[in-house]
Amino acid sequence: MPGAAILAARAAQRAGAGLVAVACLDASLRIVLPGAAPEAILVDATEDPLARLVARTDHARVVGPGLGATPRTAALVRGLVAGAPEGGWVVDADALNVLGTEFGILRRRRGPLVLTPHPGEASRLLGREIPRDDAGRTEAAREISSRAGGICCLKGHRTVVAEGERVHVNETGNPGMATAGAGDVLAGILGAYLALCATRAGWTPFEAAVSAVHVHGLAGDLGAEEVGRRGLVASDLVRFLPAAQSRLH
């Protein structure tokens, strides 16, 4: 799904990432990316993708959006996490789906880690159903955080951000954001904010995750004010992201 990569890239750019590179594993993305996100660097990884990507030194990486839950994705995620140098990680979408309950793979990575499951993905990670009540969602987010040794953003109404004993429940956002691509936008924002942790003294990955979830929801609220909840699409979140960030203190 090339649109997922484009949404993540555009969101990362609007979130302040000075240089965004998109790894193109398929020819379709290599064709459409220059027109859809002209400021992004295209990394042609259609041949030997693992070797091309492990050699990169990035402040943060977003892996998962649009890849498809295939054996190729599984091999790529495992190889990247085990072999890439230091840098932040946002593990989303199909990267979560191919891991299943194998949290040990994630513990071998270098650098801070943020997982962004929706309830269905969280259920696959834990091997059980995720409760819908606030207390049950918080418990699930904390368990994923503990098993992975990183931060969990359990998406949905009142997204839960958990790292160990620290928990933040987000208050921004609206039902109109339950639309295709909204999670890819969040992944891009998280990638940009994690990268900023490498250059901004005193800003922790947990604070970056909390801020990313907040502005993502606020961009959705601002977009809904203009186009209505029913008409909201993921591209609107990218469009309203600068205005949402201007309110972030």
C-alpha atoms as a PDB file:
ATOM      1  CA  MET A   1       0.000   0.000   0.000  1.00  0.00           C
ATOM      2  CA  PRO A   2       2.171   2.890  -1.210  1.00  0.00           C
ATOM      3  CA  GLY A   3      -0.226   5.479   0.211  1.00  0.00           C
ATOM      4  CA  ALA A   4       0.726   4.431   3.738  1.00  0.00           C
ATOM      5  CA  ALA A   5       4.398   5.222   3.133  1.00  0.00           C
ATOM      6  CA  ILE A   6       3.508   8.559   1.556  1.00  0.00           C
ATOM      7  CA  LEU A   7       1.275   9.587   4.461  1.00  0.00           C
ATOM      8  CA  ALA A   8       3.955   8.642   6.988  1.00  0.00           C
ATOM      9  CA  ALA A   9       6.607  10.546   5.046  1.00  0.00           C
ATOM     10  CA  ARG A  10       4.511  13.693   4.672  1.00  0.00           C
ATOM     11  CA  ALA A  11       3.547  13.606   8.344  1.00  0.00           C
ATOM     12  CA  ALA A  12       7.197  13.274   9.381  1.00  0.00           C
ATOM     13  CA  GLN A  13       8.085  16.264   7.217  1.00  0.00           C
ATOM     14  CA  ARG A  14       5.314  18.412   8.685  1.00  0.00           C
ATOM     15  CA  ALA A  15       6.313  17.261  12.165  1.00  0.00           C
ATOM     16  CA  GLY A  16       9.740  18.803  11.722  1.00  0.00           C
ATOM     17  CA  ALA A  17      12.002  16.053  10.414  1.00  0.00           C
ATOM     18  CA  GLY A  18      14.593  17.929   8.404  1.00  0.00           C
ATOM     19  CA  LEU A  19      15.390  15.005   6.123  1.00  0.00           C
ATOM     20  CA  VAL A  20      12.988  12.140   5.405  1.00  0.00           C
ATOM     21  CA  ALA A  21      14.072   9.091   3.436  1.00  0.00           C
ATOM     22  CA  VAL A  22      11.553   6.536   2.164  1.00  0.00           C
ATOM     23  CA  ALA A  23      12.739   3.031   1.404  1.00  0.00           C
ATOM     24  CA  CYS A  24      11.017   1.760  -1.733  1.00  0.00           C
ATOM     25  CA  LEU A  25      10.766  -2.019  -1.736  1.00  0.00           C
ATOM     26  CA  ASP A  26       8.492  -2.130  -4.773  1.00  0.00           C
ATOM     27  CA  ALA A  27       8.526  -0.389  -8.115  1.00  0.00           C
ATOM     28  CA  SER A  28       5.075   1.157  -7.551  1.00  0.00           C
ATOM     29  CA  LEU A  29       6.281   3.297  -4.656  1.00  0.00           C
ATOM     30  CA  ARG A  30       9.418   4.240  -6.536  1.00  0.00           C
ATOM     31  CA  ILE A  31       7.190   5.651  -9.273  1.00  0.00           C
ATOM     32  CA  VAL A  32       4.615   7.547  -7.202  1.00  0.00           C
ATOM     33  CA  LEU A  33       6.777   8.899  -4.363  1.00  0.00           C
ATOM     34  CA  PRO A  34       8.513  11.768  -6.214  1.00  0.00           C
ATOM     35  CA  GLY A  35       5.189  13.366  -7.093  1.00  0.00           C
ATOM     36  CA  ALA A  36       3.421  12.659  -3.804  1.00  0.00           C
ATOM     37  CA  ALA A  37       6.242  13.675  -1.437  1.00  0.00           C
ATOM     38  CA  PRO A  38       8.829  15.510  -3.561  1.00  0.00           C
ATOM     39  CA  GLU A  39      10.912  16.633  -0.565  1.00  0.00           C
ATOM     40  CA  ALA A  40      11.565  13.055   0.545  1.00  0.00           C
ATOM     41  CA  ILE A  41      14.661  11.131  -0.457  1.00  0.00           C
ATOM     42  CA  LEU A  42      13.952   7.928  -2.326  1.00  0.00           C
ATOM     43  CA  VAL A  43      16.008   4.930  -1.210  1.00  0.00           C
ATOM     44  CA  ASP A  44      15.756   2.265  -3.886  1.00  0.00           C
ATOM     45  CA  ALA A  45      15.627  -0.980  -1.921  1.00  0.00           C
ATOM     46  CA  THR A  46      13.943  -3.117  -4.554  1.00  0.00           C
ATOM     47  CA  GLU A  47      17.045  -5.322  -4.595  1.00  0.00           C
ATOM     48  CA  ASP A  48      18.653  -6.627  -1.386  1.00  0.00           C
ATOM     49  CA  PRO A  49      16.618  -4.284   0.872  1.00  0.00           C
ATOM     50  CA  LEU A  50      18.097  -5.475   4.157  1.00  0.00           C
ATOM     51  CA  ALA A  51      21.672  -4.692   3.118  1.00  0.00           C
ATOM     52  CA  ARG A  52      20.653  -1.246   1.867  1.00  0.00           C
ATOM     53  CA  LEU A  53      18.772  -0.333   5.037  1.00  0.00           C
ATOM     54  CA  VAL A  54      21.053  -1.803   7.696  1.00  0.00           C
ATOM     55  CA  ALA A  55      23.870   0.339   6.332  1.00  0.00           C
ATOM     56  CA  ARG A  56      21.936   3.566   7.009  1.00  0.00           C
ATOM     57  CA  THR A  57      22.532   5.708  10.099  1.00  0.00           C
ATOM     58  CA  ASP A  58      19.241   7.440  10.879  1.00  0.00           C
ATOM     59  CA  HIS A  59      18.106   9.257  14.004  1.00  0.00           C
ATOM     60  CA  ALA A  60      14.817   7.321  13.839  1.00  0.00           C
ATOM     61  CA  ARG A  61      13.090   4.711  11.691  1.00  0.00           C
ATOM     62  CA  VAL A  62       9.429   3.983  11.015  1.00  0.00           C
ATOM     63  CA  VAL A  63       8.820   0.395   9.947  1.00  0.00           C
ATOM     64  CA  GLY A  64       5.553  -1.287   9.066  1.00  0.00           C
ATOM     65  CA  PRO A  65       3.110   1.015   7.242  1.00  0.00           C
ATOM     66  CA  GLY A  66       1.984  -0.455   3.941  1.00  0.00           C
ATOM     67  CA  LEU A  67       4.447  -3.357   3.847  1.00  0.00           C
ATOM     68  CA  GLY A  68       1.925  -6.207   3.967  1.00  0.00           C
ATOM     69  CA  ALA A  69       1.943  -9.090   6.434  1.00  0.00           C
ATOM     70  CA  THR A  70       4.187 -11.324   4.340  1.00  0.00           C
ATOM     71  CA  PRO A  71       7.262 -13.508   4.935  1.00  0.00           C
ATOM     72  CA  ARG A  72       9.339 -10.787   3.255  1.00  0.00           C
ATOM     73  CA  THR A  73       8.150  -8.242   5.810  1.00  0.00           C
ATOM     74  CA  ALA A  74       8.896 -10.628   8.670  1.00  0.00           C
ATOM     75  CA  ALA A  75      12.444 -11.240   7.447  1.00  0.00           C
ATOM     76  CA  LEU A  76      13.019  -7.530   6.886  1.00  0.00           C
ATOM     77  CA  VAL A  77      11.781  -6.483  10.341  1.00  0.00           C
ATOM     78  CA  ARG A  78      13.829  -9.148  12.114  1.00  0.00           C
ATOM     79  CA  GLY A  79      16.946  -8.283  10.135  1.00  0.00           C
ATOM     80  CA  LEU A  80      16.585  -4.552  10.626  1.00  0.00           C
ATOM     81  CA  VAL A  81      16.005  -4.718  14.364  1.00  0.00           C
ATOM     82  CA  ALA A  82      18.941  -7.069  14.870  1.00  0.00           C
ATOM     83  CA  GLY A  83      21.395  -5.394  12.526  1.00  0.00           C
ATOM     84  CA  ALA A  84      20.711  -1.673  12.285  1.00  0.00           C
ATOM     85  CA  PRO A  85      22.851   0.794  14.280  1.00  0.00           C
ATOM     86  CA  GLU A  86      21.532   3.001  17.071  1.00  0.00           C
ATOM     87  CA  GLY A  87      18.488   5.157  16.479  1.00  0.00           C
ATOM     88  CA  GLY A  88      14.846   5.380  17.469  1.00  0.00           C
ATOM     89  CA  TRP A  89      12.261   2.861  16.272  1.00  0.00           C
ATOM     90  CA  VAL A  90       8.561   3.230  15.533  1.00  0.00           C
ATOM     91  CA  VAL A  91       7.106  -0.233  14.918  1.00  0.00           C
ATOM     92  CA  ASP A  92       3.635  -0.030  13.409  1.00  0.00           C
ATOM     93  CA  ALA A  93       1.028  -1.859  11.323  1.00  0.00           C
ATOM     94  CA  ASP A  94       2.314  -4.941   9.487  1.00  0.00           C
ATOM     95  CA  ALA A  95       5.636  -4.868  11.335  1.00  0.00           C
ATOM     96  CA  LEU A  96       3.596  -5.606  14.460  1.00  0.00           C
ATOM     97  CA  ASN A  97       1.454  -8.210  12.722  1.00  0.00           C
ATOM     98  CA  VAL A  98       4.399 -10.303  11.525  1.00  0.00           C
ATOM     99  CA  LEU A  99       6.051 -10.293  14.949  1.00  0.00           C
ATOM    100  CA  GLY A 100       3.119 -11.909  16.719  1.00  0.00           C
ATOM    101  CA  THR A 101       4.147 -12.478  20.340  1.00  0.00           C
ATOM    102  CA  GLU A 102       7.914 -12.538  19.624  1.00  0.00           C
ATOM    103  CA  PHE A 103       8.883  -9.636  21.866  1.00  0.00           C
ATOM    104  CA  GLY A 104      12.445 -10.902  22.226  1.00  0.00           C
ATOM    105  CA  ILE A 105      13.218  -9.638  18.718  1.00  0.00           C
ATOM    106  CA  LEU A 106      12.318  -6.090  19.719  1.00  0.00           C
ATOM    107  CA  ARG A 107      14.498  -6.246  22.812  1.00  0.00           C
ATOM    108  CA  ARG A 108      17.560  -6.753  20.608  1.00  0.00           C
ATOM    109  CA  ARG A 109      17.201  -3.364  18.929  1.00  0.00           C
ATOM    110  CA  ARG A 110      19.484  -0.407  19.648  1.00  0.00           C
ATOM    111  CA  GLY A 111      17.790   2.844  20.661  1.00  0.00           C
ATOM    112  CA  PRO A 112      14.362   3.861  21.980  1.00  0.00           C
ATOM    113  CA  LEU A 113      11.307   1.950  20.799  1.00  0.00           C
ATOM    114  CA  VAL A 114       7.656   2.945  20.307  1.00  0.00           C
ATOM    115  CA  LEU A 115       4.999   0.394  19.359  1.00  0.00           C
ATOM    116  CA  THR A 116       1.711   1.734  17.979  1.00  0.00           C
ATOM    117  CA  PRO A 117      -0.873  -1.078  17.969  1.00  0.00           C
ATOM    118  CA  HIS A 118      -4.591  -0.627  17.508  1.00  0.00           C
ATOM    119  CA  PRO A 119      -6.681  -3.035  19.643  1.00  0.00           C
ATOM    120  CA  GLY A 120      -6.603  -5.790  17.013  1.00  0.00           C
ATOM    121  CA  GLU A 121      -2.815  -5.643  16.711  1.00  0.00           C
ATOM    122  CA  ALA A 122      -2.478  -5.449  20.493  1.00  0.00           C
ATOM    123  CA  SER A 123      -4.599  -8.593  20.767  1.00  0.00           C
ATOM    124  CA  ARG A 124      -2.217 -10.433  18.445  1.00  0.00           C
ATOM    125  CA  LEU A 125       0.800  -9.183  20.399  1.00  0.00           C
ATOM    126  CA  LEU A 126      -0.572 -10.423  23.724  1.00  0.00           C
ATOM    127  CA  GLY A 127      -2.447 -13.441  22.442  1.00  0.00           C
ATOM    128  CA  ARG A 128      -5.710 -12.385  24.091  1.00  0.00           C
ATOM    129  CA  GLU A 129      -8.585  -9.965  23.686  1.00  0.00           C
ATOM    130  CA  ILE A 130      -8.031  -6.343  24.698  1.00  0.00           C
ATOM    131  CA  PRO A 131     -10.648  -4.929  27.109  1.00  0.00           C
ATOM    132  CA  ARG A 132     -12.530  -1.814  26.040  1.00  0.00           C
ATOM    133  CA  ASP A 133     -12.640  -0.115  29.444  1.00  0.00           C
ATOM    134  CA  ASP A 134      -9.964   2.414  30.440  1.00  0.00           C
ATOM    135  CA  ALA A 135      -8.465   0.248  33.169  1.00  0.00           C
ATOM    136  CA  GLY A 136      -8.190  -2.782  30.904  1.00  0.00           C
ATOM    137  CA  ARG A 137      -6.656  -0.764  28.052  1.00  0.00           C
ATOM    138  CA  THR A 138      -4.121   0.756  30.425  1.00  0.00           C
ATOM    139  CA  GLU A 139      -3.167  -2.672  31.728  1.00  0.00           C
ATOM    140  CA  ALA A 140      -2.735  -3.983  28.181  1.00  0.00           C
ATOM    141  CA  ALA A 141      -0.564  -1.017  27.141  1.00  0.00           C
ATOM    142  CA  ARG A 142       1.644  -1.452  30.190  1.00  0.00           C
ATOM    143  CA  GLU A 143       2.023  -5.170  29.520  1.00  0.00           C
ATOM    144  CA  ILE A 144       3.085  -4.569  25.905  1.00  0.00           C
ATOM    145  CA  SER A 145       5.522  -1.893  27.088  1.00  0.00           C
ATOM    146  CA  SER A 146       7.012  -4.248  29.653  1.00  0.00           C
ATOM    147  CA  ARG A 147       7.366  -7.193  27.274  1.00  0.00           C
ATOM    148  CA  ALA A 148       8.930  -5.107  24.498  1.00  0.00           C
ATOM    149  CA  GLY A 149      11.104  -2.978  26.757  1.00  0.00           C
ATOM    150  CA  GLY A 150       9.812   0.195  25.123  1.00  0.00           C
ATOM    151  CA  ILE A 151       6.854   2.549  24.846  1.00  0.00           C
ATOM    152  CA  CYS A 152       3.383   1.420  23.804  1.00  0.00           C
ATOM    153  CA  CYS A 153       0.812   3.735  22.230  1.00  0.00           C
ATOM    154  CA  LEU A 154      -2.417   1.718  22.344  1.00  0.00           C
ATOM    155  CA  LYS A 155      -4.537   3.546  19.795  1.00  0.00           C
ATOM    156  CA  GLY A 156      -8.254   4.208  19.875  1.00  0.00           C
ATOM    157  CA  HIS A 157     -10.570   6.452  21.851  1.00  0.00           C
ATOM    158  CA  ARG A 158      -8.353   7.975  24.573  1.00  0.00           C
ATOM    159  CA  THR A 159      -5.078   6.538  23.270  1.00  0.00           C
ATOM    160  CA  VAL A 160      -2.960   5.138  26.108  1.00  0.00           C
ATOM    161  CA  VAL A 161       0.785   5.887  26.142  1.00  0.00           C
ATOM    162  CA  ALA A 162       2.663   3.621  28.557  1.00  0.00           C
ATOM    163  CA  GLU A 163       6.283   3.126  29.506  1.00  0.00           C
ATOM    164  CA  GLY A 164       6.758   1.002  32.593  1.00  0.00           C
ATOM    165  CA  GLU A 165       4.885   2.645  35.450  1.00  0.00           C
ATOM    166  CA  ARG A 166       4.326   5.878  33.515  1.00  0.00           C
ATOM    167  CA  VAL A 167       0.974   6.173  31.788  1.00  0.00           C
ATOM    168  CA  HIS A 168      -0.638   9.017  29.862  1.00  0.00           C
ATOM    169  CA  VAL A 169      -4.197   8.924  28.523  1.00  0.00           C
ATOM    170  CA  ASN A 170      -4.721  11.267  25.579  1.00  0.00           C
ATOM    171  CA  GLU A 171      -7.719  13.595  25.476  1.00  0.00           C
ATOM    172  CA  THR A 172      -7.555  14.954  21.913  1.00  0.00           C
ATOM    173  CA  GLY A 173      -9.088  13.389  18.820  1.00  0.00           C
ATOM    174  CA  ASN A 174     -12.552  12.448  17.608  1.00  0.00           C
ATOM    175  CA  PRO A 175     -14.433   9.535  15.955  1.00  0.00           C
ATOM    176  CA  GLY A 176     -13.832  10.995  12.494  1.00  0.00           C
ATOM    177  CA  MET A 177     -10.203   9.898  12.821  1.00  0.00           C
ATOM    178  CA  ALA A 178     -11.241   6.244  12.544  1.00  0.00           C
ATOM    179  CA  THR A 179     -10.338   6.389   8.879  1.00  0.00           C
ATOM    180  CA  ALA A 180      -7.785   4.643   6.678  1.00  0.00           C
ATOM    181  CA  GLY A 181      -4.294   6.128   6.943  1.00  0.00           C
ATOM    182  CA  ALA A 182      -4.720   7.993  10.237  1.00  0.00           C
ATOM    183  CA  GLY A 183      -2.361   5.551  11.956  1.00  0.00           C
ATOM    184  CA  ASP A 184       0.258   6.056   9.256  1.00  0.00           C
ATOM    185  CA  VAL A 185       0.164   9.789   9.959  1.00  0.00           C
ATOM    186  CA  LEU A 186       0.742   9.131  13.661  1.00  0.00           C
ATOM    187  CA  ALA A 187       3.676   6.856  12.826  1.00  0.00           C
ATOM    188  CA  GLY A 188       5.279   9.635  10.795  1.00  0.00           C
ATOM    189  CA  ILE A 189       4.840  12.179  13.583  1.00  0.00           C
ATOM    190  CA  LEU A 190       6.334   9.746  16.096  1.00  0.00           C
ATOM    191  CA  GLY A 191       9.319   9.148  13.826  1.00  0.00           C
ATOM    192  CA  ALA A 192      10.016  12.875  13.565  1.00  0.00           C
ATOM    193  CA  TYR A 193       9.662  13.433  17.304  1.00  0.00           C
ATOM    194  CA  LEU A 194      11.890  10.457  18.169  1.00  0.00           C
ATOM    195  CA  ALA A 195      14.516  11.816  15.792  1.00  0.00           C
ATOM    196  CA  LEU A 196      14.292  15.136  17.609  1.00  0.00           C
ATOM    197  CA  CYS A 197      15.202  13.389  20.872  1.00  0.00           C
ATOM    198  CA  ALA A 198      18.659  12.801  19.398  1.00  0.00           C
ATOM    199  CA  THR A 199      19.245  16.530  18.932  1.00  0.00           C
ATOM    200  CA  ARG A 200      17.050  18.203  21.560  1.00  0.00           C
ATOM    201  CA  ALA A 201      18.531  17.988  25.038  1.00  0.00           C
ATOM    202  CA  GLY A 202      16.138  16.984  27.800  1.00  0.00           C
ATOM    203  CA  TRP A 203      13.296  15.676  25.615  1.00  0.00           C
ATOM    204  CA  THR A 204      12.679  12.021  26.393  1.00  0.00           C
ATOM    205  CA  PRO A 205      11.147   9.400  24.083  1.00  0.00           C
ATOM    206  CA  PHE A 206       8.136   9.156  26.419  1.00  0.00           C
ATOM    207  CA  GLU A 207       7.553  12.897  26.171  1.00  0.00           C
ATOM    208  CA  ALA A 208       7.962  12.670  22.412  1.00  0.00           C
ATOM    209  CA  ALA A 209       5.353   9.911  22.210  1.00  0.00           C
ATOM    210  CA  VAL A 210       2.879  11.785  24.416  1.00  0.00           C
ATOM    211  CA  SER A 211       3.346  14.934  22.335  1.00  0.00           C
ATOM    212  CA  ALA A 212       2.948  13.070  19.039  1.00  0.00           C
ATOM    213  CA  VAL A 213      -0.314  11.456  20.127  1.00  0.00           C
ATOM    214  CA  HIS A 214      -1.603  14.809  21.404  1.00  0.00           C
ATOM    215  CA  VAL A 215      -0.894  16.805  18.235  1.00  0.00           C
ATOM    216  CA  HIS A 216      -2.160  13.973  16.042  1.00  0.00           C
ATOM    217  CA  GLY A 217      -5.508  14.098  17.824  1.00  0.00           C
ATOM    218  CA  LEU A 218      -5.558  17.876  17.847  1.00  0.00           C
ATOM    219  CA  ALA A 219      -4.916  17.979  14.094  1.00  0.00           C
ATOM    220  CA  GLY A 220      -7.946  15.723  13.743  1.00  0.00           C
ATOM    221  CA  ASP A 221     -10.023  18.046  15.900  1.00  0.00           C
ATOM    222  CA  LEU A 222      -8.994  21.092  13.873  1.00  0.00           C
ATOM    223  CA  GLY A 223      -9.694  19.258  10.634  1.00  0.00           C
ATOM    224  CA  ALA A 224     -13.131  18.154  11.855  1.00  0.00           C
ATOM    225  CA  GLU A 225     -14.006  21.748  12.660  1.00  0.00           C
ATOM    226  CA  GLU A 226     -13.480  22.677   9.007  1.00  0.00           C
ATOM    227  CA  VAL A 227     -14.620  19.614   7.038  1.00  0.00           C
ATOM    228  CA  GLY A 228     -16.745  17.775   9.595  1.00  0.00           C
ATOM    229  CA  ARG A 229     -16.080  14.399  11.166  1.00  0.00           C
ATOM    230  CA  ARG A 230     -17.757  12.481   8.372  1.00  0.00           C
ATOM    231  CA  GLY A 231     -15.604  14.100   5.698  1.00  0.00           C
ATOM    232  CA  LEU A 232     -12.285  13.795   7.549  1.00  0.00           C
ATOM    233  CA  VAL A 233      -9.508  11.830   5.793  1.00  0.00           C
ATOM    234  CA  ALA A 234      -5.933  11.098   6.804  1.00  0.00           C
ATOM    235  CA  SER A 235      -4.468  13.740   4.492  1.00  0.00           C
ATOM    236  CA  ASP A 236      -6.409  16.348   6.470  1.00  0.00           C
ATOM    237  CA  LEU A 237      -4.429  15.384   9.568  1.00  0.00           C
ATOM    238  CA  VAL A 238      -1.202  16.207   7.741  1.00  0.00           C
ATOM    239  CA  ARG A 239      -2.699  19.483   6.517  1.00  0.00           C
ATOM    240  CA  PHE A 240      -3.705  20.610  10.002  1.00  0.00           C
ATOM    241  CA  LEU A 241      -0.591  19.317  11.733  1.00  0.00           C
ATOM    242  CA  PRO A 242       1.328  22.643  11.631  1.00  0.00           C
ATOM    243  CA  ALA A 243      -1.591  24.447  13.289  1.00  0.00           C
ATOM    244  CA  ALA A 244      -1.855  21.741  15.944  1.00  0.00           C
ATOM    245  CA  GLN A 245       1.875  21.927  16.663  1.00  0.00           C
ATOM    246  CA  SER A 246       1.712  25.696  17.076  1.00  0.00           C
ATOM    247  CA  ARG A 247      -0.429  25.035  20.162  1.00  0.00           C
ATOM    248  CA  LEU A 248       2.053  22.545  21.633  1.00  0.00           C
ATOM    249  CA  HIS A 249       4.014  23.976  24.551  1.00  0.00           C
END
